Protein backbone atom coordinates (compact mmCIF):
# COMPACT_ATOMS: atom_id res chain seq x y z
CA MET A 1 -0.02 0.02 -0.04
CA PRO A 2 1.42 3.35 -1.06
CA LEU A 3 2.30 5.90 1.83
CA THR A 4 0.57 8.70 0.01
CA HIS A 5 -3.00 8.69 -1.10
CA PRO A 6 -3.30 9.38 -4.89
CA ASP A 7 -6.23 11.86 -4.30
CA ARG A 8 -4.68 13.62 -1.34
CA LEU A 9 -5.74 17.23 -0.91
CA PHE A 10 -8.53 16.98 -3.60
CA PRO A 11 -12.03 17.92 -2.60
CA ILE A 12 -14.28 15.26 -1.06
CA GLU A 13 -17.35 15.84 -3.35
CA GLN A 14 -16.74 13.49 -6.22
CA SER A 15 -17.53 15.74 -9.35
CA THR A 16 -15.29 18.53 -7.95
CA ARG A 17 -12.64 15.88 -7.07
CA ASN A 18 -12.71 14.76 -10.71
CA VAL A 19 -12.08 18.18 -11.98
CA ALA A 20 -9.30 18.71 -9.46
CA ARG A 21 -7.75 15.42 -10.57
CA ALA A 22 -7.83 16.30 -14.17
CA LEU A 23 -6.31 19.74 -13.57
CA TYR A 24 -3.60 18.16 -11.47
CA GLU A 25 -2.77 15.64 -14.25
CA SER A 26 -2.22 18.50 -16.69
CA VAL A 27 0.52 20.15 -14.52
CA LYS A 28 2.00 17.48 -12.19
CA THR A 29 5.03 16.78 -14.57
CA LEU A 30 5.78 20.40 -15.33
CA PRO A 31 9.40 21.42 -14.53
CA ILE A 32 10.01 22.91 -11.01
CA ILE A 33 11.15 26.36 -10.73
CA SER A 34 12.59 26.96 -7.23
CA PRO A 35 13.33 30.70 -7.21
CA HIS A 36 13.86 31.10 -3.32
CA GLY A 37 15.44 28.60 -1.06
CA HIS A 38 18.30 27.71 1.22
CA CYS A 39 19.80 24.62 -0.32
CA ASP A 40 23.54 24.53 -0.02
CA PRO A 41 25.38 25.09 -3.42
CA GLN A 42 28.29 23.04 -2.22
CA TRP A 43 25.98 19.96 -2.75
CA PHE A 44 25.99 20.50 -6.52
CA ALA A 45 29.52 21.89 -6.82
CA ARG A 46 31.06 18.77 -5.19
CA ASN A 47 28.30 16.33 -6.07
CA ASN A 48 29.28 14.07 -3.26
CA ARG A 49 26.78 11.58 -1.83
CA PHE A 50 24.73 12.85 1.00
CA PRO A 51 26.36 11.74 4.19
CA ASN A 52 23.55 9.75 5.73
CA PRO A 53 19.74 9.72 6.16
CA ALA A 54 19.82 11.90 9.36
CA GLU A 55 21.93 14.63 7.68
CA LEU A 56 19.53 14.57 4.69
CA PHE A 57 16.10 14.65 6.57
CA VAL A 58 16.47 15.59 10.15
CA ILE A 59 19.49 17.96 10.80
CA PRO A 60 18.89 20.56 8.15
CA ASP A 61 15.09 20.67 8.39
CA HIS A 62 13.71 23.30 10.75
CA TYR A 63 10.17 21.95 10.46
CA VAL A 64 11.37 18.56 11.78
CA PHE A 65 13.63 19.45 14.57
CA ARG A 66 11.46 22.27 15.96
CA MET A 67 8.60 19.74 16.35
CA LEU A 68 10.80 17.33 18.16
CA VAL A 69 12.20 19.98 20.42
CA SER A 70 8.70 21.16 21.17
CA ASN A 71 8.08 17.76 22.64
CA GLY A 72 11.16 17.65 24.77
CA VAL A 73 13.89 16.31 22.56
CA PRO A 74 17.02 18.35 22.97
CA LEU A 75 18.61 19.81 19.88
CA THR A 76 21.84 18.23 21.01
CA ASP A 77 20.17 14.74 20.75
CA LEU A 78 19.54 15.58 17.14
CA GLY A 79 23.03 16.36 16.15
CA ILE A 80 22.58 20.15 16.01
CA ALA A 81 25.94 21.68 16.54
CA THR A 82 26.73 23.97 19.53
CA LEU A 83 28.67 27.26 19.29
CA ASP A 84 31.07 26.41 22.10
CA GLY A 85 31.77 22.90 21.00
CA THR A 86 29.63 21.08 23.67
CA PRO A 87 29.32 17.58 22.46
CA VAL A 88 26.22 16.56 20.56
CA GLU A 89 24.97 13.17 19.33
CA ARG A 90 27.09 12.14 16.38
CA ASP A 91 25.62 8.69 15.66
CA PRO A 92 23.26 9.15 12.75
CA ARG A 93 21.48 5.96 13.52
CA LYS A 94 20.52 7.26 16.99
CA ILE A 95 19.36 10.41 15.59
CA TRP A 96 17.28 8.69 13.08
CA GLN A 97 15.92 6.32 15.71
CA ARG A 98 14.80 9.33 17.86
CA PHE A 99 13.19 10.97 14.83
CA ALA A 100 11.29 7.73 14.03
CA GLU A 101 10.09 7.09 17.61
CA ASN A 102 8.51 10.50 17.61
CA PHE A 103 7.17 10.50 14.00
CA ASP A 104 3.68 10.35 15.25
CA LEU A 105 4.04 14.02 16.22
CA PHE A 106 3.90 15.00 12.60
CA ARG A 107 0.39 13.45 11.94
CA GLY A 108 -1.72 15.82 10.08
CA THR A 109 1.09 18.31 9.41
CA PRO A 110 2.54 19.20 6.00
CA SER A 111 5.86 17.81 7.18
CA SER A 112 4.39 14.28 7.42
CA MET A 113 3.09 14.65 3.79
CA TRP A 114 6.45 16.03 2.51
CA LEU A 115 8.38 13.36 4.28
CA GLU A 116 6.19 10.49 3.22
CA HIS A 117 6.23 11.77 -0.36
CA SER A 118 10.08 11.69 -0.16
CA PHE A 119 10.22 8.25 1.38
CA GLU A 120 7.87 6.83 -1.32
CA HIS A 121 8.58 8.61 -4.34
CA VAL A 122 12.47 9.26 -4.12
CA PHE A 123 13.39 6.13 -2.09
CA GLY A 124 10.78 3.69 -2.89
CA LEU A 125 9.61 2.96 0.69
CA ASP A 126 6.12 1.72 1.17
CA GLU A 127 5.73 1.24 5.03
CA PRO A 128 5.16 3.93 7.54
CA LEU A 129 8.15 5.25 9.58
CA ASN A 130 7.86 4.21 13.15
CA THR A 131 10.00 2.74 16.08
CA ASP A 132 9.84 -0.74 14.62
CA THR A 133 10.79 0.27 11.02
CA ALA A 134 13.18 2.94 11.86
CA LEU A 135 16.50 1.12 11.27
CA ALA A 136 15.09 -0.79 8.30
CA HIS A 137 14.24 2.58 6.64
CA TYR A 138 17.65 3.95 7.64
CA ASP A 139 19.48 1.11 6.12
CA HIS A 140 17.38 1.26 2.92
CA ILE A 141 17.96 4.95 2.43
CA GLU A 142 21.66 4.73 3.41
CA ALA A 143 22.22 2.01 0.70
CA LYS A 144 20.27 4.12 -1.84
CA LEU A 145 22.49 7.26 -1.01
CA GLY A 146 25.58 5.21 -1.92
CA GLU A 147 24.31 4.93 -5.60
CA ASP A 148 25.26 7.48 -8.26
CA ALA A 149 21.57 7.95 -8.99
CA TYR A 150 21.17 9.64 -5.57
CA ARG A 151 23.94 12.00 -5.80
CA PRO A 152 22.73 15.74 -5.65
CA ARG A 153 23.06 16.47 -9.50
CA ALA A 154 21.35 13.20 -10.45
CA LEU A 155 18.43 14.05 -8.01
CA PHE A 156 18.30 17.54 -9.37
CA ASP A 157 17.65 16.07 -12.73
CA ARG A 158 15.26 13.47 -11.54
CA PHE A 159 13.29 16.01 -9.68
CA ASN A 160 12.89 17.89 -12.97
CA ILE A 161 14.24 21.08 -11.62
CA GLU A 162 14.57 23.69 -14.27
CA ALA A 163 16.16 26.41 -11.93
CA LEU A 164 17.04 26.53 -8.32
CA ALA A 165 18.09 29.71 -6.51
CA THR A 166 20.16 29.45 -3.40
CA THR A 167 20.53 32.29 -0.81
CA GLU A 168 23.95 33.86 0.09
CA GLY A 169 24.99 36.80 2.23
CA ALA A 170 26.46 39.92 0.69
CA LEU A 171 30.01 38.87 1.89
CA ASP A 172 29.99 35.33 0.50
CA ASP A 173 32.63 34.79 -2.06
CA LEU A 174 30.37 32.56 -4.13
CA THR A 175 33.10 29.86 -4.43
CA TRP A 176 30.64 27.11 -4.69
CA HIS A 177 28.76 28.78 -7.44
CA GLN A 178 32.00 29.45 -9.33
CA ASN A 179 32.79 25.63 -8.98
CA ILE A 180 29.38 24.74 -10.44
CA ASN A 181 29.91 27.09 -13.33
CA ASP A 182 33.48 25.60 -13.95
CA SER A 183 32.12 22.02 -13.74
CA GLY A 184 30.33 22.00 -17.09
CA TRP A 185 27.30 20.63 -15.52
CA SER A 186 24.10 21.83 -17.25
CA GLY A 187 22.01 22.23 -14.02
CA ARG A 188 20.93 25.72 -13.37
CA VAL A 189 21.67 26.68 -9.77
CA ILE A 190 21.89 30.42 -9.16
CA THR A 191 22.43 32.66 -6.17
CA THR A 192 20.32 35.32 -4.53
CA TYR A 193 21.69 38.51 -2.84
CA ARG A 194 20.88 38.52 0.87
CA PRO A 195 22.50 41.61 2.57
CA ASP A 196 20.93 41.39 6.07
CA ALA A 197 24.32 41.14 7.76
CA VAL A 198 25.24 44.50 6.29
CA VAL A 199 21.89 46.12 6.37
CA ASP A 200 20.56 45.24 9.86
CA PRO A 201 22.37 47.18 12.64
CA ASP A 202 21.27 44.52 15.10
CA PHE A 203 22.99 41.70 13.24
CA GLU A 204 25.93 40.30 15.27
CA GLY A 205 29.34 41.70 13.91
CA PHE A 206 27.65 44.57 11.85
CA ALA A 207 30.45 47.04 12.17
CA ASP A 208 33.05 44.49 11.07
CA ASN A 209 30.77 43.29 8.36
CA ILE A 210 30.57 46.89 7.00
CA GLN A 211 34.39 47.02 7.00
CA THR A 212 34.61 43.67 5.20
CA LEU A 213 32.08 44.97 2.59
CA GLY A 214 34.45 47.85 1.95
CA GLU A 215 37.42 45.58 1.49
CA LEU A 216 35.55 43.37 -0.92
CA THR A 217 34.45 46.29 -3.08
CA ASP A 218 37.29 48.69 -2.73
CA GLU A 219 34.80 51.21 -1.47
CA ASP A 220 34.89 53.50 1.61
CA THR A 221 32.01 51.96 3.49
CA SER A 222 32.35 54.55 6.23
CA THR A 223 30.61 57.03 4.07
CA TRP A 224 26.98 56.68 2.88
CA THR A 225 27.82 57.04 -0.75
CA GLY A 226 30.64 54.53 -0.50
CA TYR A 227 28.34 52.16 1.38
CA LEU A 228 25.64 52.37 -1.32
CA ALA A 229 28.28 51.87 -4.10
CA ALA A 230 29.49 48.85 -2.33
CA HIS A 231 26.03 47.35 -2.51
CA ARG A 232 25.80 48.03 -6.18
CA LYS A 233 29.19 46.28 -6.82
CA ARG A 234 28.07 43.25 -4.73
CA ARG A 235 24.73 43.13 -6.47
CA SER A 236 26.57 43.17 -9.83
CA TYR A 237 29.01 40.48 -8.73
CA PHE A 238 26.03 38.27 -7.67
CA LYS A 239 24.47 38.84 -11.14
CA THR A 240 27.44 37.27 -12.74
CA PHE A 241 26.49 34.05 -10.91
CA GLY A 242 22.96 34.24 -12.16
CA ALA A 243 21.13 36.14 -9.51
CA THR A 244 17.80 37.61 -10.52
CA ALA A 245 16.68 38.60 -7.07
CA SER A 246 17.63 40.02 -3.90
CA ASP A 247 16.01 38.96 -0.56
CA HIS A 248 15.51 40.91 2.68
CA GLY A 249 14.49 39.38 5.98
CA HIS A 250 13.48 42.34 8.08
CA PRO A 251 11.60 42.29 11.46
CA SER A 252 9.11 44.66 10.06
CA ALA A 253 7.92 45.96 6.63
CA ARG A 254 8.91 49.47 7.48
CA THR A 255 10.37 51.59 4.76
CA GLU A 256 11.63 55.20 4.74
CA ASN A 257 12.33 57.78 2.01
CA MET A 258 14.56 60.22 3.72
CA PRO A 259 16.52 63.01 1.99
CA GLN A 260 20.02 61.71 1.14
CA GLU A 261 21.60 64.05 3.73
CA THR A 262 19.25 62.74 6.45
CA ALA A 263 20.01 59.15 5.48
CA ALA A 264 23.75 59.88 5.63
CA HIS A 265 23.54 61.22 9.09
CA LEU A 266 21.58 58.29 10.19
CA PHE A 267 24.19 56.04 8.65
CA GLU A 268 26.85 57.75 10.75
CA THR A 269 24.77 57.29 13.87
CA ILE A 270 24.46 53.55 13.12
CA LEU A 271 28.18 53.20 12.56
CA SER A 272 28.92 54.73 15.79
CA GLY A 273 27.09 52.00 17.52
CA GLU A 274 25.10 54.45 19.68
CA PHE A 275 21.72 54.03 18.15
CA THR A 276 18.17 53.46 19.40
CA PRO A 277 15.96 50.50 18.32
CA ASP A 278 13.90 53.01 16.39
CA GLU A 279 16.92 54.26 14.58
CA ALA A 280 17.98 50.75 13.66
CA ASP A 281 14.49 50.05 12.28
CA ALA A 282 14.46 53.35 10.31
CA PHE A 283 17.85 52.45 8.83
CA ARG A 284 16.51 49.08 7.70
CA GLY A 285 13.46 50.82 6.27
CA GLN A 286 15.66 53.28 4.33
CA MET A 287 17.59 50.43 2.94
CA LEU A 288 14.54 48.74 1.61
CA THR A 289 13.84 51.83 -0.47
CA GLU A 290 17.53 52.02 -1.49
CA MET A 291 17.37 48.42 -2.64
CA ALA A 292 14.28 49.19 -4.63
CA ARG A 293 16.03 51.96 -6.37
CA MET A 294 18.98 49.75 -7.08
CA SER A 295 16.51 47.18 -8.58
CA GLN A 296 15.26 49.89 -10.93
CA GLU A 297 18.85 50.16 -12.13
CA ASP A 298 19.97 46.52 -12.20
CA GLY A 299 16.69 44.53 -12.66
CA LEU A 300 17.00 42.31 -9.63
CA VAL A 301 13.64 41.48 -8.15
CA LEU A 302 13.11 42.70 -4.64
CA GLN A 303 11.82 40.09 -2.13
CA ILE A 304 10.76 41.30 1.26
CA HIS A 305 10.26 38.71 3.95
CA PRO A 306 9.25 40.75 7.05
CA GLY A 307 7.48 39.87 10.23
CA SER A 308 9.65 37.08 11.83
CA ARG A 309 10.58 37.48 15.50
CA ARG A 310 13.86 35.74 14.87
CA ASN A 311 15.73 33.63 17.37
CA HIS A 312 13.04 33.94 20.00
CA SER A 313 14.66 31.58 22.37
CA ALA A 314 17.74 33.37 24.04
CA SER A 315 18.96 30.13 25.38
CA VAL A 316 18.82 28.34 22.03
CA PHE A 317 20.36 31.32 20.27
CA ALA A 318 23.24 31.44 22.79
CA ALA A 319 23.77 27.63 22.53
CA HIS A 320 23.28 26.98 18.88
CA GLY A 321 23.14 30.35 17.07
CA ARG A 322 20.61 31.75 14.70
CA ASP A 323 18.07 29.90 12.47
CA MET A 324 17.38 27.00 14.95
CA GLY A 325 13.57 26.73 14.62
CA PHE A 326 12.76 29.60 17.03
CA ASP A 327 11.73 32.21 14.46
CA ILE A 328 8.17 33.21 15.40
CA PRO A 329 5.59 35.16 13.35
CA GLY A 330 4.37 38.42 14.59
CA ARG A 331 1.82 41.07 13.57
CA THR A 332 2.89 43.13 10.55
CA ASP A 333 1.69 46.39 9.14
CA TYR A 334 2.10 46.93 5.42
CA VAL A 335 -0.15 49.80 4.34
CA ALA A 336 1.58 52.51 6.40
CA ALA A 337 4.94 50.71 6.47
CA LEU A 338 5.33 50.35 2.71
CA LYS A 339 3.99 53.92 1.75
CA PRO A 340 7.28 55.86 1.75
CA MET A 341 8.81 53.32 -0.63
CA LEU A 342 5.75 52.98 -2.82
CA ASP A 343 5.46 56.69 -3.12
CA ASP A 344 8.89 56.66 -4.72
CA VAL A 345 8.87 53.49 -6.96
CA GLY A 346 5.48 51.82 -6.55
CA MET A 347 4.04 52.92 -9.82
CA ASP A 348 7.05 51.55 -11.88
CA PRO A 349 5.65 48.67 -14.04
CA ASN A 350 9.23 47.52 -14.74
CA LEU A 351 10.07 46.95 -11.01
CA THR A 352 9.04 43.81 -9.31
CA ILE A 353 8.66 43.72 -5.55
CA ILE A 354 7.46 40.51 -4.07
CA LEU A 355 5.78 40.67 -0.62
CA PHE A 356 5.62 37.89 1.80
CA THR A 357 3.91 37.61 5.16
CA LEU A 358 3.78 35.65 8.30
CA ASP A 359 0.64 37.46 9.33
CA GLU A 360 -2.33 35.87 7.50
CA THR A 361 -4.75 38.52 8.76
CA SER A 362 -2.98 41.01 6.42
CA TYR A 363 -3.90 39.23 3.18
CA SER A 364 -7.45 40.52 2.60
CA ARG A 365 -7.00 43.71 4.66
CA GLU A 366 -3.71 44.95 3.33
CA LEU A 367 -1.60 42.87 0.96
CA SER A 368 -4.01 41.92 -1.88
CA PRO A 369 -5.43 45.48 -1.95
CA LEU A 370 -1.91 46.84 -2.31
CA ALA A 371 -0.92 44.34 -4.99
CA GLY A 372 -4.11 44.82 -6.76
CA ALA A 373 -3.21 48.50 -7.17
CA TYR A 374 0.55 49.10 -7.44
CA PRO A 375 2.16 47.82 -10.56
CA ALA A 376 5.50 47.10 -8.83
CA LEU A 377 3.95 44.89 -6.28
CA LYS A 378 3.34 41.20 -6.45
CA LEU A 379 2.22 38.73 -3.65
CA GLY A 380 4.56 35.86 -2.82
CA PRO A 381 3.12 32.59 -1.98
CA PRO A 382 2.28 31.36 1.49
CA TRP A 383 5.58 31.13 3.32
CA TRP A 384 7.19 29.17 6.07
CA PHE A 385 4.45 28.33 8.45
CA PHE A 386 1.72 28.45 5.85
CA ASP A 387 3.12 26.52 2.81
CA SER A 388 0.50 23.81 3.51
CA TYR A 389 -2.80 22.81 2.02
CA GLU A 390 -4.73 24.86 4.52
CA GLY A 391 -2.35 27.86 4.20
CA ILE A 392 -2.40 27.79 0.36
CA LYS A 393 -6.33 27.38 0.48
CA ARG A 394 -6.64 30.46 2.78
CA PHE A 395 -4.25 32.43 0.65
CA ARG A 396 -6.27 31.91 -2.44
CA GLU A 397 -9.59 32.53 -0.79
CA THR A 398 -8.48 35.75 0.63
CA THR A 399 -6.48 37.26 -2.18
CA THR A 400 -8.11 36.21 -5.38
CA GLU A 401 -11.09 38.37 -5.11
CA THR A 402 -9.06 41.44 -4.83
CA CYS A 403 -5.82 40.91 -6.78
CA GLY A 404 -6.77 37.94 -8.90
CA PHE A 405 -4.17 35.29 -9.85
CA TYR A 406 -1.83 37.47 -11.94
CA ASN A 407 -0.68 39.61 -9.03
CA THR A 408 0.89 36.55 -7.47
CA VAL A 409 4.11 34.65 -8.49
CA GLY A 410 3.26 30.98 -8.25
CA PHE A 411 5.09 28.93 -5.58
CA ASN A 412 8.54 28.79 -3.99
CA ASP A 413 9.55 26.09 -1.57
CA ASP A 414 11.91 28.06 0.68
CA THR A 415 13.62 24.93 1.96
CA ARG A 416 16.92 23.64 3.21
CA ALA A 417 15.62 20.01 2.76
CA PHE A 418 16.43 19.06 -0.66
CA CYS A 419 14.33 15.92 -1.04
CA SER A 420 11.28 17.89 0.09
CA ILE A 421 11.37 20.19 -3.02
CA PRO A 422 9.23 17.93 -5.29
CA ALA A 423 7.03 17.06 -2.41
CA ARG A 424 6.33 20.77 -1.52
CA HIS A 425 5.73 21.74 -5.18
CA ASP A 426 3.31 18.72 -5.46
CA VAL A 427 1.40 19.93 -2.48
CA ALA A 428 1.10 23.45 -4.03
CA ARG A 429 -0.05 22.05 -7.32
CA ARG A 430 -2.64 19.84 -5.78
CA SER A 431 -3.95 22.60 -3.55
CA ASP A 432 -4.21 25.07 -6.35
CA CYS A 433 -6.04 22.59 -8.57
CA ALA A 434 -8.38 21.76 -5.70
CA TYR A 435 -9.14 25.52 -5.43
CA LEU A 436 -9.63 25.98 -9.18
CA ALA A 437 -11.93 22.93 -9.27
CA THR A 438 -14.26 24.53 -6.65
CA LEU A 439 -14.24 27.67 -8.83
CA VAL A 440 -15.24 25.66 -11.88
CA CYS A 441 -17.84 23.69 -10.08
CA SER A 442 -19.53 26.71 -8.55
CA GLY A 443 -19.74 28.49 -11.90
CA ARG A 444 -16.98 31.15 -11.18
CA LEU A 445 -14.39 30.02 -13.62
CA ARG A 446 -14.74 28.27 -17.12
CA GLU A 447 -12.96 24.90 -17.17
CA SER A 448 -10.82 25.88 -20.05
CA GLU A 449 -9.69 28.94 -18.05
CA ALA A 450 -8.88 26.61 -15.09
CA TYR A 451 -6.34 24.74 -17.06
CA GLU A 452 -4.59 27.90 -18.09
CA VAL A 453 -4.50 29.15 -14.64
CA ALA A 454 -3.25 25.84 -13.20
CA HIS A 455 -0.31 26.04 -15.71
CA ASP A 456 0.29 29.59 -14.83
CA LEU A 457 0.40 29.05 -11.03
CA SER A 458 2.59 25.91 -11.43
CA TYR A 459 5.04 27.35 -13.96
CA ARG A 460 4.63 30.42 -15.99
CA LEU A 461 4.06 33.11 -13.25
CA VAL A 462 7.09 32.13 -11.16
CA LYS A 463 9.32 31.94 -14.28
CA GLU A 464 8.21 35.40 -15.42
CA ALA A 465 8.15 37.08 -11.90
CA TYR A 466 11.78 36.05 -11.17
CA ARG A 467 12.94 36.69 -14.70
CA LEU A 468 14.08 33.09 -15.23
């Protein structure tokens, strides 16, 4: 018996389910465009085998280990490294056993569906993972990982990935992307410009990062004009490695449009280290507007991922560092926050600004009316905690009536877990087809139009929005 139901996520009512199934059949084999994510380019540069099942499925996946931690499994027992070198579990079989013993925690979650899709469709497993099957599953996956067909490049091709964007910081030398380019491999793996470490005054080591930015670009980053010039140079450098977008993970969606003299004075205050929280937020806001202006110049798509209260657990941050599953959504304002930037660049039809949210209450109230009016704005897909069937359904129901389908940009998987990419895109395609089927069967969309929209949501919109 298969692990995954063939009609999963389709409507219960049979005639609507039939339409959804037919729509899905028309898009399920389309190439995958993965325009925003956090896969490691080293995988494709070196093309070494993945080390073991624990390092493939457990250790890199925030969705997995945060659920286990929430039920009392320490990060150290899952092999998550500590900053001070305190010993952690190193035996991948033990890590896998703990994962399997607690797999029931994922029942009903998208993680369960993604994982079981990977187990079945990537590795050919047909029994549920549990305490009793744990080591048999481990040994089966471990054996497969030793085959050439399971190396990163082979899986990339097997997953039918047309393009995959990784995310690198502004100070990254992009060595692994250079190695990919030099290898002659035909897979398209590109980078994305993520300047948070040199834009966010609260980022650890910010002053040193600004100095390094100047050294990399031969610009005087102690001055406002030199600092902006350094960003332009780094953006240009990233473009030589295929970058089509920048990405900005700010605590809020605040933007500013200060006179340049005022911005320069604020920059001096920030560099002094004697700044208030409001001044730090104002600086981040000014930099979003500056990045939008740079996008007008160089064509990079501007992605804004605001609203995460990052590293919420002080003890986890102190022990393990950032990005350890304790980033928590918070209320986010967009209408007032984005106005300074939109007054400057929002009417430019050649600029693309993609807005994401972790505050679902903003979809119908703020985001879809904004994207339904400003030519520069598009809505990113449900992100992070909401890239599930329910999240995608809520997104379509609360945004379509105001901004339609064509002010959105398809789907992106935003993952560090490579084998979940086809699973996540499959969930998105099934969810969208289920929604389209309800429109068809309730007389709100012609069936012929639904086939076009299904194709657009699965493939065309993301390719065009990210200029791929």
